[in-house]
Amino acid sequence: MTNAPQVSAMHALPDGEAELSLVVRIPWEDVARLGQEAGRLASQMQRPVTLDEAVSYRLRSTRPSASHAKPSGEQPAAVSSGAGVTSLPRISGTA
């Protein structure tokens, strides 16, 4: 057992969105690109920007806005086997 504090994986935010905590292993090259993205955002916003914020901004800007959850009676069509994690936008731009 570890002494690390337990963090909730997801919690609601006051603005109606949710925050999800997870650990992702990515190559250092992608970390460097995120740093560059954070630098660009910081320049635009005229304030410091964290890598977390740069990731969030990048994910929001590379896909259409998410549709809200549908009532339980309205389930979306089944996703084809070809769509999955590999269909998410890649930060590095490489396959």
PDB file of N, CA and C in Angstrom:
ATOM      1  N   MET A   1       0.848  -1.177   0.000  1.00  0.00           N
ATOM      2  CA  MET A   1       0.000   0.000   0.000  1.00  0.00           C
ATOM      3  C   MET A   1       0.891   1.238   0.000  1.00  0.00           C
ATOM      4  N   THR A   2       0.506   2.247  -0.752  1.00  0.00           N
ATOM      5  CA  THR A   2       1.310   3.457  -0.834  1.00  0.00           C
ATOM      6  C   THR A   2       0.783   4.522   0.111  1.00  0.00           C
ATOM      7  N   ASN A   3       1.624   5.495   0.399  1.00  0.00           N
ATOM      8  CA  ASN A   3       1.221   6.616   1.238  1.00  0.00           C
ATOM      9  C   ASN A   3       0.722   7.794   0.406  1.00  0.00           C
ATOM     10  N   ALA A   4       0.624   7.613  -0.905  1.00  0.00           N
ATOM     11  CA  ALA A   4       0.173   8.691  -1.783  1.00  0.00           C
ATOM     12  C   ALA A   4      -1.284   9.024  -1.481  1.00  0.00           C
ATOM     13  N   PRO A   5      -1.636  10.310  -1.493  1.00  0.00           N
ATOM     14  CA  PRO A   5      -3.023  10.683  -1.244  1.00  0.00           C
ATOM     15  C   PRO A   5      -3.929  10.173  -2.361  1.00  0.00           C
ATOM     16  N   GLN A   6      -5.115   9.772  -2.005  1.00  0.00           N
ATOM     17  CA  GLN A   6      -6.078   9.292  -2.979  1.00  0.00           C
ATOM     18  C   GLN A   6      -6.802  10.494  -3.589  1.00  0.00           C
ATOM     19  N   VAL A   7      -6.835  10.535  -4.911  1.00  0.00           N
ATOM     20  CA  VAL A   7      -7.480  11.624  -5.624  1.00  0.00           C
ATOM     21  C   VAL A   7      -8.699  11.067  -6.349  1.00  0.00           C
ATOM     22  N   SER A   8      -9.800  11.770  -6.257  1.00  0.00           N
ATOM     23  CA  SER A   8     -11.003  11.348  -6.951  1.00  0.00           C
ATOM     24  C   SER A   8     -10.747  11.385  -8.453  1.00  0.00           C
ATOM     25  N   ALA A   9     -11.170  10.352  -9.170  1.00  0.00           N
ATOM     26  CA  ALA A   9     -10.929  10.277 -10.606  1.00  0.00           C
ATOM     27  C   ALA A   9     -11.757  11.294 -11.376  1.00  0.00           C
ATOM     28  N   MET A  10     -12.927  11.676 -10.859  1.00  0.00           N
ATOM     29  CA  MET A  10     -13.766  12.634 -11.556  1.00  0.00           C
ATOM     30  C   MET A  10     -14.591  13.427 -10.550  1.00  0.00           C
ATOM     31  N   HIS A  11     -14.750  14.714 -10.815  1.00  0.00           N
ATOM     32  CA  HIS A  11     -15.649  15.508  -9.999  1.00  0.00           C
ATOM     33  C   HIS A  11     -16.269  16.622 -10.824  1.00  0.00           C
ATOM     34  N   ALA A  12     -17.445  17.054 -10.380  1.00  0.00           N
ATOM     35  CA  ALA A  12     -18.191  18.091 -11.097  1.00  0.00           C
ATOM     36  C   ALA A  12     -17.621  19.465 -10.786  1.00  0.00           C
ATOM     37  N   LEU A  13     -17.686  20.345 -11.773  1.00  0.00           N
ATOM     38  CA  LEU A  13     -17.237  21.726 -11.622  1.00  0.00           C
ATOM     39  C   LEU A  13     -18.462  22.643 -11.574  1.00  0.00           C
ATOM     40  N   PRO A  14     -18.319  23.794 -10.948  1.00  0.00           N
ATOM     41  CA  PRO A  14     -19.461  24.714 -10.821  1.00  0.00           C
ATOM     42  C   PRO A  14     -20.041  25.178 -12.157  1.00  0.00           C
ATOM     43  N   ASP A  15     -19.245  25.171 -13.229  1.00  0.00           N
ATOM     44  CA  ASP A  15     -19.744  25.647 -14.521  1.00  0.00           C
ATOM     45  C   ASP A  15     -20.495  24.573 -15.308  1.00  0.00           C
ATOM     46  N   GLY A  16     -20.758  23.419 -14.687  1.00  0.00           N
ATOM     47  CA  GLY A  16     -21.518  22.364 -15.345  1.00  0.00           C
ATOM     48  C   GLY A  16     -20.664  21.346 -16.071  1.00  0.00           C
ATOM     49  N   GLU A  17     -19.346  21.538 -16.084  1.00  0.00           N
ATOM     50  CA  GLU A  17     -18.462  20.563 -16.700  1.00  0.00           C
ATOM     51  C   GLU A  17     -17.945  19.598 -15.641  1.00  0.00           C
ATOM     52  N   ALA A  18     -17.188  18.611 -16.065  1.00  0.00           N
ATOM     53  CA  ALA A  18     -16.589  17.653 -15.152  1.00  0.00           C
ATOM     54  C   ALA A  18     -15.085  17.648 -15.366  1.00  0.00           C
ATOM     55  N   GLU A  19     -14.351  17.354 -14.312  1.00  0.00           N
ATOM     56  CA  GLU A  19     -12.902  17.242 -14.401  1.00  0.00           C
ATOM     57  C   GLU A  19     -12.522  15.800 -14.134  1.00  0.00           C
ATOM     58  N   LEU A  20     -11.712  15.237 -15.022  1.00  0.00           N
ATOM     59  CA  LEU A  20     -11.288  13.849 -14.943  1.00  0.00           C
ATOM     60  C   LEU A  20      -9.798  13.807 -14.700  1.00  0.00           C
ATOM     61  N   SER A  21      -9.366  13.058 -13.701  1.00  0.00           N
ATOM     62  CA  SER A  21      -7.938  12.921 -13.402  1.00  0.00           C
ATOM     63  C   SER A  21      -7.467  11.559 -13.889  1.00  0.00           C
ATOM     64  N   LEU A  22      -6.350  11.558 -14.623  1.00  0.00           N
ATOM     65  CA  LEU A  22      -5.787  10.304 -15.082  1.00  0.00           C
ATOM     66  C   LEU A  22      -4.290  10.461 -15.305  1.00  0.00           C
ATOM     67  N   VAL A  23      -3.613   9.340 -15.434  1.00  0.00           N
ATOM     68  CA  VAL A  23      -2.179   9.329 -15.701  1.00  0.00           C
ATOM     69  C   VAL A  23      -1.989   8.829 -17.119  1.00  0.00           C
ATOM     70  N   VAL A  24      -1.224   9.588 -17.897  1.00  0.00           N
ATOM     71  CA  VAL A  24      -0.957   9.225 -19.283  1.00  0.00           C
ATOM     72  C   VAL A  24       0.549   9.218 -19.484  1.00  0.00           C
ATOM     73  N   ARG A  25       1.061   8.143 -20.073  1.00  0.00           N
ATOM     74  CA  ARG A  25       2.490   8.075 -20.385  1.00  0.00           C
ATOM     75  C   ARG A  25       2.662   8.496 -21.834  1.00  0.00           C
ATOM     76  N   ILE A  26       3.462   9.564 -22.047  1.00  0.00           N
ATOM     77  CA  ILE A  26       3.702  10.065 -23.388  1.00  0.00           C
ATOM     78  C   ILE A  26       5.192  10.303 -23.575  1.00  0.00           C
ATOM     79  N   PRO A  27       5.651  10.276 -24.819  1.00  0.00           N
ATOM     80  CA  PRO A  27       7.073  10.510 -25.089  1.00  0.00           C
ATOM     81  C   PRO A  27       7.474  11.950 -24.754  1.00  0.00           C
ATOM     82  N   TRP A  28       8.757  12.137 -24.458  1.00  0.00           N
ATOM     83  CA  TRP A  28       9.269  13.466 -24.125  1.00  0.00           C
ATOM     84  C   TRP A  28       9.039  14.456 -25.255  1.00  0.00           C
ATOM     85  N   GLU A  29       9.048  13.978 -26.498  1.00  0.00           N
ATOM     86  CA  GLU A  29       8.804  14.865 -27.631  1.00  0.00           C
ATOM     87  C   GLU A  29       7.425  15.512 -27.532  1.00  0.00           C
ATOM     88  N   ASP A  30       6.434  14.741 -27.092  1.00  0.00           N
ATOM     89  CA  ASP A  30       5.086  15.286 -26.922  1.00  0.00           C
ATOM     90  C   ASP A  30       5.036  16.269 -25.756  1.00  0.00           C
ATOM     91  N   VAL A  31       5.806  15.996 -24.701  1.00  0.00           N
ATOM     92  CA  VAL A  31       5.877  16.928 -23.578  1.00  0.00           C
ATOM     93  C   VAL A  31       6.457  18.264 -24.063  1.00  0.00           C
ATOM     94  N   ALA A  32       7.481  18.185 -24.910  1.00  0.00           N
ATOM     95  CA  ALA A  32       8.081  19.404 -25.457  1.00  0.00           C
ATOM     96  C   ALA A  32       7.077  20.170 -26.309  1.00  0.00           C
ATOM     97  N   ARG A  33       6.294  19.453 -27.112  1.00  0.00           N
ATOM     98  CA  ARG A  33       5.276  20.122 -27.937  1.00  0.00           C
ATOM     99  C   ARG A  33       4.210  20.777 -27.062  1.00  0.00           C
ATOM    100  N   LEU A  34       3.849  20.117 -25.984  1.00  0.00           N
ATOM    101  CA  LEU A  34       2.886  20.717 -25.050  1.00  0.00           C
ATOM    102  C   LEU A  34       3.466  21.971 -24.410  1.00  0.00           C
ATOM    103  N   GLY A  35       4.752  21.939 -24.120  1.00  0.00           N
ATOM    104  CA  GLY A  35       5.413  23.127 -23.581  1.00  0.00           C
ATOM    105  C   GLY A  35       5.368  24.276 -24.574  1.00  0.00           C
ATOM    106  N   GLN A  36       5.564  23.956 -25.852  1.00  0.00           N
ATOM    107  CA  GLN A  36       5.477  24.989 -26.891  1.00  0.00           C
ATOM    108  C   GLN A  36       4.052  25.536 -26.983  1.00  0.00           C
ATOM    109  N   GLU A  37       3.078  24.640 -26.902  1.00  0.00           N
ATOM    110  CA  GLU A  37       1.668  25.058 -26.923  1.00  0.00           C
ATOM    111  C   GLU A  37       1.363  25.951 -25.722  1.00  0.00           C
ATOM    112  N   ALA A  38       1.858  25.577 -24.545  1.00  0.00           N
ATOM    113  CA  ALA A  38       1.651  26.391 -23.344  1.00  0.00           C
ATOM    114  C   ALA A  38       2.297  27.762 -23.518  1.00  0.00           C
ATOM    115  N   GLY A  39       3.466  27.814 -24.150  1.00  0.00           N
ATOM    116  CA  GLY A  39       4.131  29.090 -24.413  1.00  0.00           C
ATOM    117  C   GLY A  39       3.315  29.980 -25.332  1.00  0.00           C
ATOM    118  N   ARG A  40       2.751  29.379 -26.387  1.00  0.00           N
ATOM    119  CA  ARG A  40       1.908  30.158 -27.310  1.00  0.00           C
ATOM    120  C   ARG A  40       0.672  30.694 -26.594  1.00  0.00           C
ATOM    121  N   LEU A  41       0.026  29.816 -25.799  1.00  0.00           N
ATOM    122  CA  LEU A  41      -1.164  30.250 -25.055  1.00  0.00           C
ATOM    123  C   LEU A  41      -0.815  31.347 -24.060  1.00  0.00           C
ATOM    124  N   ALA A  42       0.295  31.195 -23.371  1.00  0.00           N
ATOM    125  CA  ALA A  42       0.716  32.199 -22.389  1.00  0.00           C
ATOM    126  C   ALA A  42       0.927  33.546 -23.066  1.00  0.00           C
ATOM    127  N   SER A  43       1.482  33.516 -24.264  1.00  0.00           N
ATOM    128  CA  SER A  43       1.705  34.752 -25.010  1.00  0.00           C
ATOM    129  C   SER A  43       0.377  35.396 -25.403  1.00  0.00           C
ATOM    130  N   GLN A  44      -0.567  34.569 -25.844  1.00  0.00           N
ATOM    131  CA  GLN A  44      -1.886  35.075 -26.230  1.00  0.00           C
ATOM    132  C   GLN A  44      -2.661  35.612 -25.031  1.00  0.00           C
ATOM    133  N   MET A  45      -2.605  34.870 -23.920  1.00  0.00           N
ATOM    134  CA  MET A  45      -3.406  35.210 -22.743  1.00  0.00           C
ATOM    135  C   MET A  45      -2.708  36.188 -21.792  1.00  0.00           C
ATOM    136  N   GLN A  46      -1.440  36.448 -22.048  1.00  0.00           N
ATOM    137  CA  GLN A  46      -0.655  37.356 -21.213  1.00  0.00           C
ATOM    138  C   GLN A  46      -0.617  36.916 -19.745  1.00  0.00           C
ATOM    139  N   ARG A  47      -0.463  35.592 -19.535  1.00  0.00           N
ATOM    140  CA  ARG A  47      -0.342  35.026 -18.188  1.00  0.00           C
ATOM    141  C   ARG A  47       0.281  33.640 -18.298  1.00  0.00           C
ATOM    142  N   PRO A  48       0.810  33.126 -17.184  1.00  0.00           N
ATOM    143  CA  PRO A  48       1.379  31.772 -17.223  1.00  0.00           C
ATOM    144  C   PRO A  48       0.296  30.726 -17.531  1.00  0.00           C
ATOM    145  N   VAL A  49       0.670  29.677 -18.250  1.00  0.00           N
ATOM    146  CA  VAL A  49      -0.244  28.593 -18.608  1.00  0.00           C
ATOM    147  C   VAL A  49       0.423  27.268 -18.252  1.00  0.00           C
ATOM    148  N   THR A  50      -0.293  26.391 -17.555  1.00  0.00           N
ATOM    149  CA  THR A  50       0.251  25.086 -17.180  1.00  0.00           C
ATOM    150  C   THR A  50       0.146  24.111 -18.357  1.00  0.00           C
ATOM    151  N   LEU A  51       0.895  23.020 -18.273  1.00  0.00           N
ATOM    152  CA  LEU A  51       0.772  21.982 -19.301  1.00  0.00           C
ATOM    153  C   LEU A  51      -0.630  21.387 -19.285  1.00  0.00           C
ATOM    154  N   ASP A  52      -1.230  21.241 -18.105  1.00  0.00           N
ATOM    155  CA  ASP A  52      -2.609  20.735 -18.013  1.00  0.00           C
ATOM    156  C   ASP A  52      -3.557  21.618 -18.816  1.00  0.00           C
ATOM    157  N   GLU A  53      -3.401  22.927 -18.652  1.00  0.00           N
ATOM    158  CA  GLU A  53      -4.252  23.872 -19.371  1.00  0.00           C
ATOM    159  C   GLU A  53      -4.006  23.793 -20.872  1.00  0.00           C
ATOM    160  N   ALA A  54      -2.749  23.625 -21.276  1.00  0.00           N
ATOM    161  CA  ALA A  54      -2.416  23.502 -22.697  1.00  0.00           C
ATOM    162  C   ALA A  54      -3.044  22.244 -23.291  1.00  0.00           C
ATOM    163  N   VAL A  55      -3.015  21.141 -22.548  1.00  0.00           N
ATOM    164  CA  VAL A  55      -3.640  19.896 -23.018  1.00  0.00           C
ATOM    165  C   VAL A  55      -5.135  20.102 -23.174  1.00  0.00           C
ATOM    166  N   SER A  56      -5.771  20.690 -22.169  1.00  0.00           N
ATOM    167  CA  SER A  56      -7.204  20.930 -22.221  1.00  0.00           C
ATOM    168  C   SER A  56      -7.568  21.798 -23.420  1.00  0.00           C
ATOM    169  N   TYR A  57      -6.810  22.870 -23.629  1.00  0.00           N
ATOM    170  CA  TYR A  57      -7.065  23.764 -24.750  1.00  0.00           C
ATOM    171  C   TYR A  57      -6.888  23.018 -26.073  1.00  0.00           C
ATOM    172  N   ARG A  58      -5.833  22.223 -26.149  1.00  0.00           N
ATOM    173  CA  ARG A  58      -5.545  21.474 -27.377  1.00  0.00           C
ATOM    174  C   ARG A  58      -6.659  20.485 -27.694  1.00  0.00           C
ATOM    175  N   LEU A  59      -7.141  19.774 -26.682  1.00  0.00           N
ATOM    176  CA  LEU A  59      -8.218  18.807 -26.902  1.00  0.00           C
ATOM    177  C   LEU A  59      -9.508  19.502 -27.322  1.00  0.00           C
ATOM    178  N   ARG A  60      -9.788  20.633 -26.716  1.00  0.00           N
ATOM    179  CA  ARG A  60     -11.004  21.366 -27.063  1.00  0.00           C
ATOM    180  C   ARG A  60     -10.934  21.975 -28.459  1.00  0.00           C
ATOM    181  N   SER A  61      -9.753  22.363 -28.899  1.00  0.00           N
ATOM    182  CA  SER A  61      -9.636  23.033 -30.190  1.00  0.00           C
ATOM    183  C   SER A  61      -9.479  22.071 -31.358  1.00  0.00           C
ATOM    184  N   THR A  62      -9.256  20.788 -31.111  1.00  0.00           N
ATOM    185  CA  THR A  62      -9.041  19.837 -32.206  1.00  0.00           C
ATOM    186  C   THR A  62     -10.235  18.933 -32.458  1.00  0.00           C
ATOM    187  N   ARG A  63     -11.345  19.196 -31.810  1.00  0.00           N
ATOM    188  CA  ARG A  63     -12.538  18.377 -32.046  1.00  0.00           C
ATOM    189  C   ARG A  63     -13.770  19.268 -31.931  1.00  0.00           C
ATOM    190  N   PRO A  64     -14.883  18.841 -32.542  1.00  0.00           N
ATOM    191  CA  PRO A  64     -16.108  19.609 -32.382  1.00  0.00           C
ATOM    192  C   PRO A  64     -16.542  19.568 -30.923  1.00  0.00           C
ATOM    193  N   SER A  65     -17.333  20.543 -30.513  1.00  0.00           N
ATOM    194  CA  SER A  65     -17.763  20.585 -29.116  1.00  0.00           C
ATOM    195  C   SER A  65     -18.538  19.322 -28.771  1.00  0.00           C
ATOM    196  N   ALA A  66     -18.341  18.858 -27.560  1.00  0.00           N
ATOM    197  CA  ALA A  66     -18.980  17.617 -27.110  1.00  0.00           C
ATOM    198  C   ALA A  66     -20.466  17.840 -26.926  1.00  0.00           C
ATOM    199  N   SER A  67     -21.255  16.864 -27.320  1.00  0.00           N
ATOM    200  CA  SER A  67     -22.691  16.956 -27.057  1.00  0.00           C
ATOM    201  C   SER A  67     -22.941  16.458 -25.642  1.00  0.00           C
ATOM    202  N   HIS A  68     -23.917  17.011 -25.006  1.00  0.00           N
ATOM    203  CA  HIS A  68     -24.215  16.620 -23.629  1.00  0.00           C
ATOM    204  C   HIS A  68     -24.830  15.231 -23.606  1.00  0.00           C
ATOM    205  N   ALA A  69     -24.779  14.616 -22.462  1.00  0.00           N
ATOM    206  CA  ALA A  69     -25.317  13.264 -22.303  1.00  0.00           C
ATOM    207  C   ALA A  69     -26.803  13.255 -22.655  1.00  0.00           C
ATOM    208  N   LYS A  70     -27.226  12.203 -23.287  1.00  0.00           N
ATOM    209  CA  LYS A  70     -28.623  12.072 -23.672  1.00  0.00           C
ATOM    210  C   LYS A  70     -29.374  11.310 -22.581  1.00  0.00           C
ATOM    211  N   PRO A  71     -30.685  11.533 -22.473  1.00  0.00           N
ATOM    212  CA  PRO A  71     -31.475  10.756 -21.506  1.00  0.00           C
ATOM    213  C   PRO A  71     -31.308   9.270 -21.774  1.00  0.00           C
ATOM    214  N   SER A  72     -31.507   8.462 -20.751  1.00  0.00           N
ATOM    215  CA  SER A  72     -31.226   7.029 -20.853  1.00  0.00           C
ATOM    216  C   SER A  72     -31.976   6.336 -21.978  1.00  0.00           C
ATOM    217  N   GLY A  73     -33.108   6.843 -22.409  1.00  0.00           N
ATOM    218  CA  GLY A  73     -33.870   6.229 -23.492  1.00  0.00           C
ATOM    219  C   GLY A  73     -33.266   6.490 -24.856  1.00  0.00           C
ATOM    220  N   GLU A  74     -32.373   7.464 -24.982  1.00  0.00           N
ATOM    221  CA  GLU A  74     -31.783   7.831 -26.270  1.00  0.00           C
ATOM    222  C   GLU A  74     -30.319   7.428 -26.314  1.00  0.00           C
ATOM    223  N   GLN A  75     -30.046   6.181 -26.632  1.00  0.00           N
ATOM    224  CA  GLN A  75     -28.676   5.691 -26.703  1.00  0.00           C
ATOM    225  C   GLN A  75     -28.117   5.936 -28.088  1.00  0.00           C
ATOM    226  N   PRO A  76     -26.858   6.354 -28.203  1.00  0.00           N
ATOM    227  CA  PRO A  76     -26.255   6.551 -29.519  1.00  0.00           C
ATOM    228  C   PRO A  76     -26.052   5.225 -30.230  1.00  0.00           C
ATOM    229  N   ALA A  77     -25.920   5.282 -31.544  1.00  0.00           N
ATOM    230  CA  ALA A  77     -25.667   4.077 -32.334  1.00  0.00           C
ATOM    231  C   ALA A  77     -24.350   3.453 -31.895  1.00  0.00           C
ATOM    232  N   ALA A  78     -24.242   2.151 -32.053  1.00  0.00           N
ATOM    233  CA  ALA A  78     -23.018   1.446 -31.660  1.00  0.00           C
ATOM    234  C   ALA A  78     -21.834   1.980 -32.455  1.00  0.00           C
ATOM    235  N   VAL A  79     -20.693   2.079 -31.803  1.00  0.00           N
ATOM    236  CA  VAL A  79     -19.484   2.550 -32.447  1.00  0.00           C
ATOM    237  C   VAL A  79     -18.837   1.389 -33.170  1.00  0.00           C
ATOM    238  N   SER A  80     -18.414   1.612 -34.410  1.00  0.00           N
ATOM    239  CA  SER A  80     -17.778   0.545 -35.172  1.00  0.00           C
ATOM    240  C   SER A  80     -16.463   0.151 -34.511  1.00  0.00           C
ATOM    241  N   SER A  81     -16.011  -1.054 -34.773  1.00  0.00           N
ATOM    242  CA  SER A  81     -14.791  -1.542 -34.129  1.00  0.00           C
ATOM    243  C   SER A  81     -13.563  -0.732 -34.521  1.00  0.00           C
ATOM    244  N   GLY A  82     -13.621   0.015 -35.617  1.00  0.00           N
ATOM    245  CA  GLY A  82     -12.482   0.812 -36.052  1.00  0.00           C
ATOM    246  C   GLY A  82     -12.302   2.090 -35.250  1.00  0.00           C
ATOM    247  N   ALA A  83     -13.353   2.534 -34.558  1.00  0.00           N
ATOM    248  CA  ALA A  83     -13.256   3.779 -33.788  1.00  0.00           C
ATOM    249  C   ALA A  83     -12.942   3.439 -32.344  1.00  0.00           C
ATOM    250  N   GLY A  84     -12.015   4.111 -31.790  1.00  0.00           N
ATOM    251  CA  GLY A  84     -11.627   3.875 -30.408  1.00  0.00           C
ATOM    252  C   GLY A  84     -10.610   4.909 -30.012  1.00  0.00           C
ATOM    253  N   VAL A  85      -9.703   4.520 -29.170  1.00  0.00           N
ATOM    254  CA  VAL A  85      -8.681   5.445 -28.712  1.00  0.00           C
ATOM    255  C   VAL A  85      -7.859   5.955 -29.881  1.00  0.00           C
ATOM    256  N   THR A  86      -7.651   5.125 -30.887  1.00  0.00           N
ATOM    257  CA  THR A  86      -6.838   5.556 -32.021  1.00  0.00           C
ATOM    258  C   THR A  86      -7.491   6.668 -32.817  1.00  0.00           C
ATOM    259  N   SER A  87      -8.808   6.880 -32.636  1.00  0.00           N
ATOM    260  CA  SER A  87      -9.473   7.945 -33.378  1.00  0.00           C
ATOM    261  C   SER A  87      -9.390   9.288 -32.662  1.00  0.00           C
ATOM    262  N   LEU A  88      -8.823   9.320 -31.456  1.00  0.00           N
ATOM    263  CA  LEU A  88      -8.667  10.580 -30.747  1.00  0.00           C
ATOM    264  C   LEU A  88      -7.569  11.403 -31.396  1.00  0.00           C
ATOM    265  N   PRO A  89      -7.675  12.723 -31.290  1.00  0.00           N
ATOM    266  CA  PRO A  89      -6.638  13.566 -31.897  1.00  0.00           C
ATOM    267  C   PRO A  89      -5.297  13.334 -31.239  1.00  0.00           C
ATOM    268  N   ARG A  90      -4.250  13.249 -32.044  1.00  0.00           N
ATOM    269  CA  ARG A  90      -2.899  13.056 -31.523  1.00  0.00           C
ATOM    270  C   ARG A  90      -2.222  14.410 -31.408  1.00  0.00           C
ATOM    271  N   ILE A  91      -1.556  14.629 -30.295  1.00  0.00           N
ATOM    272  CA  ILE A  91      -0.874  15.887 -30.093  1.00  0.00           C
ATOM    273  C   ILE A  91       0.382  15.958 -30.951  1.00  0.00           C
ATOM    274  N   SER A  92       1.062  14.830 -31.106  1.00  0.00           N
ATOM    275  CA  SER A  92       2.325  14.844 -31.827  1.00  0.00           C
ATOM    276  C   SER A  92       2.156  14.913 -33.338  1.00  0.00           C
ATOM    277  N   GLY A  93       0.997  14.533 -33.844  1.00  0.00           N
ATOM    278  CA  GLY A  93       0.778  14.553 -35.284  1.00  0.00           C
ATOM    279  C   GLY A  93       1.414  13.388 -36.001  1.00  0.00           C
ATOM    280  N   THR A  94       1.905  12.399 -35.247  1.00  0.00           N
ATOM    281  CA  THR A  94       2.493  11.212 -35.868  1.00  0.00           C
ATOM    282  C   THR A  94       1.667  10.006 -35.520  1.00  0.00           C
ATOM    283  N   ALA A  95       1.731   8.991 -36.341  1.00  0.00           N
ATOM    284  CA  ALA A  95       0.951   7.780 -36.086  1.00  0.00           C
ATOM    285  C   ALA A  95       1.752   6.745 -35.380  1.00  0.00           C
TER     286      ALA A  95
END
